[in-house]
Amino acid sequence: MPVSFDGTGKLVSLHDYVEGKRNARAFSSLSDDQRVELAAKRIEMQPNYEIGTIGAGIVTKERAIDEVRTKTKLGRRLAEIEARVITHLIDQAEEKQGSSRG
């Protein structure tokens, strides 16, 4: 699953990001539009994405992608969830990499 973009706008996997390959942009330096697109791509890549919310009910993958890309209130929340997942994954991978080197 991608966690960032490189300098040319291509998606970068967690492995490549942590290894410093492909000149991945720091997740924290991505623009809001890039974070939205990254969240939409991550949702798109999940074969069985579905989420239940209070108020919106069950949100299908197709609806989630549309909500994220159109930046609705729900879409912004879904993008925020993906951002938290990404930062958590990056932190875990970097900790694991650091402990395997030391």
N, C-alpha and C. Protein backbone atom coordinates (compact mmCIF):
# COMPACT_ATOMS: atom_id res chain seq x y z
N MET A 1 0.84 -1.19 0.00
CA MET A 1 0.00 0.00 0.00
C MET A 1 0.88 1.25 0.00
N PRO A 2 0.50 2.23 -0.74
CA PRO A 2 1.30 3.46 -0.80
C PRO A 2 1.17 4.30 0.47
N VAL A 3 2.23 5.03 0.78
CA VAL A 3 2.22 5.93 1.93
C VAL A 3 2.67 7.34 1.57
N SER A 4 3.10 7.53 0.31
CA SER A 4 3.53 8.86 -0.11
C SER A 4 3.66 8.88 -1.63
N PHE A 5 4.23 9.97 -2.12
CA PHE A 5 4.52 10.13 -3.54
C PHE A 5 6.01 10.42 -3.69
N ASP A 6 6.55 10.13 -4.87
CA ASP A 6 7.93 10.54 -5.14
C ASP A 6 7.89 11.90 -5.83
N GLY A 7 9.04 12.38 -6.25
CA GLY A 7 9.13 13.69 -6.87
C GLY A 7 8.39 13.81 -8.18
N THR A 8 8.11 12.69 -8.83
CA THR A 8 7.40 12.72 -10.11
C THR A 8 5.90 12.50 -9.95
N GLY A 9 5.44 12.31 -8.71
CA GLY A 9 4.02 12.12 -8.46
C GLY A 9 3.56 10.68 -8.45
N LYS A 10 4.52 9.74 -8.52
CA LYS A 10 4.15 8.33 -8.47
C LYS A 10 4.04 7.88 -7.02
N LEU A 11 3.17 6.90 -6.79
CA LEU A 11 2.96 6.37 -5.44
C LEU A 11 4.21 5.65 -4.94
N VAL A 12 4.46 5.74 -3.65
CA VAL A 12 5.61 5.10 -3.00
C VAL A 12 5.09 4.18 -1.91
N SER A 13 5.55 2.93 -1.92
CA SER A 13 5.14 1.95 -0.91
C SER A 13 5.81 2.24 0.43
N LEU A 14 5.27 1.63 1.47
CA LEU A 14 5.85 1.76 2.80
C LEU A 14 7.30 1.30 2.81
N HIS A 15 7.58 0.17 2.18
CA HIS A 15 8.94 -0.37 2.13
C HIS A 15 9.90 0.63 1.50
N ASP A 16 9.53 1.14 0.33
CA ASP A 16 10.41 2.09 -0.36
C ASP A 16 10.57 3.39 0.44
N TYR A 17 9.52 3.81 1.10
CA TYR A 17 9.56 5.02 1.91
C TYR A 17 10.57 4.87 3.05
N VAL A 18 10.46 3.77 3.79
CA VAL A 18 11.33 3.55 4.95
C VAL A 18 12.77 3.31 4.52
N GLU A 19 12.96 2.64 3.39
CA GLU A 19 14.30 2.37 2.88
C GLU A 19 14.94 3.60 2.24
N GLY A 20 14.16 4.66 2.06
CA GLY A 20 14.69 5.87 1.45
C GLY A 20 14.85 5.78 -0.06
N LYS A 21 14.12 4.88 -0.67
CA LYS A 21 14.21 4.68 -2.11
C LYS A 21 13.26 5.63 -2.84
N ARG A 22 13.55 5.89 -4.08
CA ARG A 22 12.68 6.63 -5.00
C ARG A 22 12.41 8.07 -4.59
N ASN A 23 13.25 8.64 -3.76
CA ASN A 23 13.07 10.03 -3.35
C ASN A 23 11.65 10.33 -2.88
N ALA A 24 11.17 9.51 -1.99
CA ALA A 24 9.82 9.69 -1.46
C ALA A 24 9.73 10.99 -0.69
N ARG A 25 8.63 11.68 -0.88
CA ARG A 25 8.40 12.91 -0.13
C ARG A 25 7.95 12.53 1.28
N ALA A 26 8.40 13.27 2.26
CA ALA A 26 7.97 13.03 3.64
C ALA A 26 6.46 13.18 3.69
N PHE A 27 5.80 12.26 4.37
CA PHE A 27 4.34 12.32 4.45
C PHE A 27 3.89 13.67 4.98
N SER A 28 4.60 14.18 5.96
CA SER A 28 4.22 15.46 6.58
C SER A 28 4.32 16.63 5.60
N SER A 29 5.06 16.47 4.50
CA SER A 29 5.21 17.56 3.54
C SER A 29 4.20 17.51 2.39
N LEU A 30 3.35 16.50 2.38
CA LEU A 30 2.35 16.41 1.32
C LEU A 30 1.29 17.49 1.49
N SER A 31 0.81 18.00 0.37
CA SER A 31 -0.26 18.99 0.40
C SER A 31 -1.58 18.30 0.76
N ASP A 32 -2.58 19.09 1.09
CA ASP A 32 -3.89 18.52 1.39
C ASP A 32 -4.43 17.73 0.20
N ASP A 33 -4.26 18.27 -1.00
CA ASP A 33 -4.73 17.57 -2.19
C ASP A 33 -4.01 16.24 -2.39
N GLN A 34 -2.72 16.22 -2.11
CA GLN A 34 -1.96 14.97 -2.23
C GLN A 34 -2.41 13.95 -1.19
N ARG A 35 -2.68 14.41 0.01
CA ARG A 35 -3.16 13.50 1.07
C ARG A 35 -4.53 12.93 0.71
N VAL A 36 -5.38 13.77 0.12
CA VAL A 36 -6.70 13.31 -0.32
C VAL A 36 -6.55 12.25 -1.40
N GLU A 37 -5.71 12.52 -2.38
CA GLU A 37 -5.52 11.56 -3.47
C GLU A 37 -4.90 10.26 -2.95
N LEU A 38 -3.96 10.37 -2.04
CA LEU A 38 -3.34 9.19 -1.45
C LEU A 38 -4.39 8.36 -0.69
N ALA A 39 -5.24 9.02 0.07
CA ALA A 39 -6.30 8.31 0.81
C ALA A 39 -7.23 7.61 -0.17
N ALA A 40 -7.63 8.30 -1.23
CA ALA A 40 -8.53 7.70 -2.22
C ALA A 40 -7.87 6.49 -2.88
N LYS A 41 -6.60 6.59 -3.21
CA LYS A 41 -5.89 5.46 -3.85
C LYS A 41 -5.80 4.27 -2.89
N ARG A 42 -5.52 4.55 -1.61
CA ARG A 42 -5.43 3.47 -0.62
C ARG A 42 -6.77 2.76 -0.46
N ILE A 43 -7.85 3.53 -0.41
CA ILE A 43 -9.18 2.94 -0.30
C ILE A 43 -9.48 2.13 -1.55
N GLU A 44 -9.15 2.68 -2.70
CA GLU A 44 -9.37 2.01 -3.99
C GLU A 44 -8.65 0.67 -4.06
N MET A 45 -7.48 0.57 -3.47
CA MET A 45 -6.67 -0.64 -3.54
C MET A 45 -7.13 -1.75 -2.60
N GLN A 46 -7.99 -1.42 -1.64
CA GLN A 46 -8.45 -2.41 -0.68
C GLN A 46 -9.60 -3.21 -1.30
N PRO A 47 -9.47 -4.52 -1.37
CA PRO A 47 -10.49 -5.31 -2.06
C PRO A 47 -11.86 -5.31 -1.38
N ASN A 48 -11.92 -5.20 -0.08
CA ASN A 48 -13.19 -5.30 0.64
C ASN A 48 -13.44 -4.11 1.54
N TYR A 49 -13.15 -2.92 1.08
CA TYR A 49 -13.31 -1.74 1.93
C TYR A 49 -14.79 -1.46 2.16
N GLU A 50 -15.12 -1.27 3.42
CA GLU A 50 -16.46 -0.87 3.82
C GLU A 50 -16.33 -0.38 5.26
N ILE A 51 -16.97 0.72 5.57
CA ILE A 51 -16.86 1.27 6.91
C ILE A 51 -18.24 1.72 7.38
N GLY A 52 -18.50 1.51 8.65
CA GLY A 52 -19.76 1.95 9.24
C GLY A 52 -19.54 3.23 10.01
N THR A 53 -20.45 4.18 9.84
CA THR A 53 -20.32 5.44 10.55
C THR A 53 -21.65 5.81 11.19
N ILE A 54 -21.57 6.60 12.23
CA ILE A 54 -22.78 7.13 12.84
C ILE A 54 -23.24 8.28 11.95
N GLY A 55 -24.45 8.21 11.52
CA GLY A 55 -24.99 9.26 10.67
C GLY A 55 -25.03 8.86 9.20
N ALA A 56 -23.92 8.38 8.67
CA ALA A 56 -23.86 8.02 7.25
C ALA A 56 -24.16 6.55 7.02
N GLY A 57 -24.17 5.75 8.09
CA GLY A 57 -24.43 4.33 7.95
C GLY A 57 -23.24 3.60 7.35
N ILE A 58 -23.54 2.55 6.58
CA ILE A 58 -22.48 1.78 5.93
C ILE A 58 -22.03 2.52 4.68
N VAL A 59 -20.72 2.74 4.58
CA VAL A 59 -20.14 3.45 3.44
C VAL A 59 -19.37 2.44 2.61
N THR A 60 -19.80 2.27 1.35
CA THR A 60 -19.12 1.35 0.44
C THR A 60 -17.81 1.95 -0.06
N LYS A 61 -17.02 1.12 -0.66
CA LYS A 61 -15.74 1.57 -1.22
C LYS A 61 -15.96 2.69 -2.24
N GLU A 62 -16.90 2.50 -3.15
CA GLU A 62 -17.14 3.49 -4.20
C GLU A 62 -17.57 4.83 -3.61
N ARG A 63 -18.46 4.76 -2.63
CA ARG A 63 -18.92 6.01 -1.99
C ARG A 63 -17.78 6.67 -1.23
N ALA A 64 -16.98 5.87 -0.53
CA ALA A 64 -15.86 6.42 0.23
C ALA A 64 -14.89 7.16 -0.68
N ILE A 65 -14.56 6.56 -1.82
CA ILE A 65 -13.64 7.20 -2.77
C ILE A 65 -14.22 8.52 -3.26
N ASP A 66 -15.51 8.51 -3.60
CA ASP A 66 -16.17 9.72 -4.07
C ASP A 66 -16.20 10.79 -2.98
N GLU A 67 -16.52 10.39 -1.76
CA GLU A 67 -16.58 11.34 -0.64
C GLU A 67 -15.20 11.96 -0.38
N VAL A 68 -14.16 11.12 -0.43
CA VAL A 68 -12.79 11.62 -0.19
C VAL A 68 -12.40 12.59 -1.30
N ARG A 69 -12.60 12.21 -2.53
CA ARG A 69 -12.16 13.06 -3.65
C ARG A 69 -12.95 14.36 -3.75
N THR A 70 -14.21 14.36 -3.33
CA THR A 70 -14.99 15.60 -3.37
C THR A 70 -14.87 16.40 -2.07
N LYS A 71 -14.11 15.86 -1.14
CA LYS A 71 -13.77 16.54 0.11
C LYS A 71 -14.98 16.94 0.94
N THR A 72 -15.96 16.05 0.98
CA THR A 72 -17.10 16.28 1.86
C THR A 72 -16.64 16.14 3.30
N LYS A 73 -17.52 16.44 4.23
CA LYS A 73 -17.17 16.29 5.65
C LYS A 73 -16.79 14.84 5.94
N LEU A 74 -17.59 13.91 5.43
CA LEU A 74 -17.28 12.48 5.60
C LEU A 74 -15.97 12.13 4.92
N GLY A 75 -15.76 12.64 3.72
CA GLY A 75 -14.53 12.36 2.98
C GLY A 75 -13.29 12.86 3.69
N ARG A 76 -13.40 14.03 4.29
CA ARG A 76 -12.25 14.57 5.05
C ARG A 76 -11.96 13.68 6.26
N ARG A 77 -12.99 13.17 6.89
CA ARG A 77 -12.78 12.27 8.03
C ARG A 77 -12.14 10.96 7.58
N LEU A 78 -12.60 10.42 6.47
CA LEU A 78 -12.01 9.18 5.95
C LEU A 78 -10.54 9.40 5.56
N ALA A 79 -10.25 10.55 4.96
CA ALA A 79 -8.86 10.87 4.61
C ALA A 79 -8.01 11.02 5.87
N GLU A 80 -8.60 11.58 6.91
CA GLU A 80 -7.88 11.72 8.18
C GLU A 80 -7.57 10.35 8.79
N ILE A 81 -8.52 9.43 8.69
CA ILE A 81 -8.28 8.07 9.18
C ILE A 81 -7.11 7.45 8.43
N GLU A 82 -7.10 7.58 7.11
CA GLU A 82 -5.99 7.02 6.32
C GLU A 82 -4.67 7.68 6.70
N ALA A 83 -4.69 8.99 6.94
CA ALA A 83 -3.46 9.70 7.33
C ALA A 83 -2.93 9.15 8.65
N ARG A 84 -3.82 8.89 9.59
CA ARG A 84 -3.40 8.33 10.88
C ARG A 84 -2.83 6.92 10.71
N VAL A 85 -3.46 6.14 9.86
CA VAL A 85 -2.95 4.79 9.59
C VAL A 85 -1.56 4.88 8.97
N ILE A 86 -1.40 5.77 8.01
CA ILE A 86 -0.10 5.92 7.34
C ILE A 86 0.98 6.34 8.33
N THR A 87 0.72 7.35 9.15
CA THR A 87 1.75 7.79 10.10
C THR A 87 2.07 6.69 11.11
N HIS A 88 1.06 5.94 11.51
CA HIS A 88 1.30 4.82 12.43
C HIS A 88 2.18 3.76 11.76
N LEU A 89 1.86 3.41 10.52
CA LEU A 89 2.65 2.41 9.80
C LEU A 89 4.10 2.86 9.61
N ILE A 90 4.27 4.12 9.25
CA ILE A 90 5.62 4.66 9.06
C ILE A 90 6.39 4.61 10.37
N ASP A 91 5.76 5.06 11.46
CA ASP A 91 6.42 5.04 12.77
C ASP A 91 6.84 3.62 13.16
N GLN A 92 5.93 2.66 12.99
CA GLN A 92 6.23 1.27 13.33
C GLN A 92 7.38 0.73 12.48
N ALA A 93 7.32 0.99 11.18
CA ALA A 93 8.35 0.47 10.27
C ALA A 93 9.71 1.09 10.59
N GLU A 94 9.73 2.38 10.90
CA GLU A 94 11.00 3.04 11.22
C GLU A 94 11.56 2.53 12.54
N GLU A 95 10.68 2.28 13.52
CA GLU A 95 11.14 1.71 14.79
C GLU A 95 11.72 0.33 14.58
N LYS A 96 11.03 -0.48 13.80
CA LYS A 96 11.49 -1.85 13.52
C LYS A 96 12.83 -1.81 12.79
N GLN A 97 12.94 -0.92 11.82
CA GLN A 97 14.19 -0.81 11.06
C GLN A 97 15.32 -0.34 11.97
N GLY A 98 15.03 0.60 12.85
CA GLY A 98 16.05 1.10 13.77
C GLY A 98 16.51 0.05 14.74
N SER A 99 15.59 -0.78 15.24
CA SER A 99 15.97 -1.82 16.20
C SER A 99 16.72 -2.96 15.53
N SER A 100 16.49 -3.18 14.25
CA SER A 100 17.20 -4.27 13.57
C SER A 100 18.62 -3.84 13.19
N ARG A 101 18.86 -2.53 13.16
CA ARG A 101 20.20 -2.02 12.85
C ARG A 101 21.06 -1.91 14.10
N GLY A 102 20.40 -1.65 15.23
CA GLY A 102 21.14 -1.39 16.46
C GLY A 102 21.44 -2.61 17.19
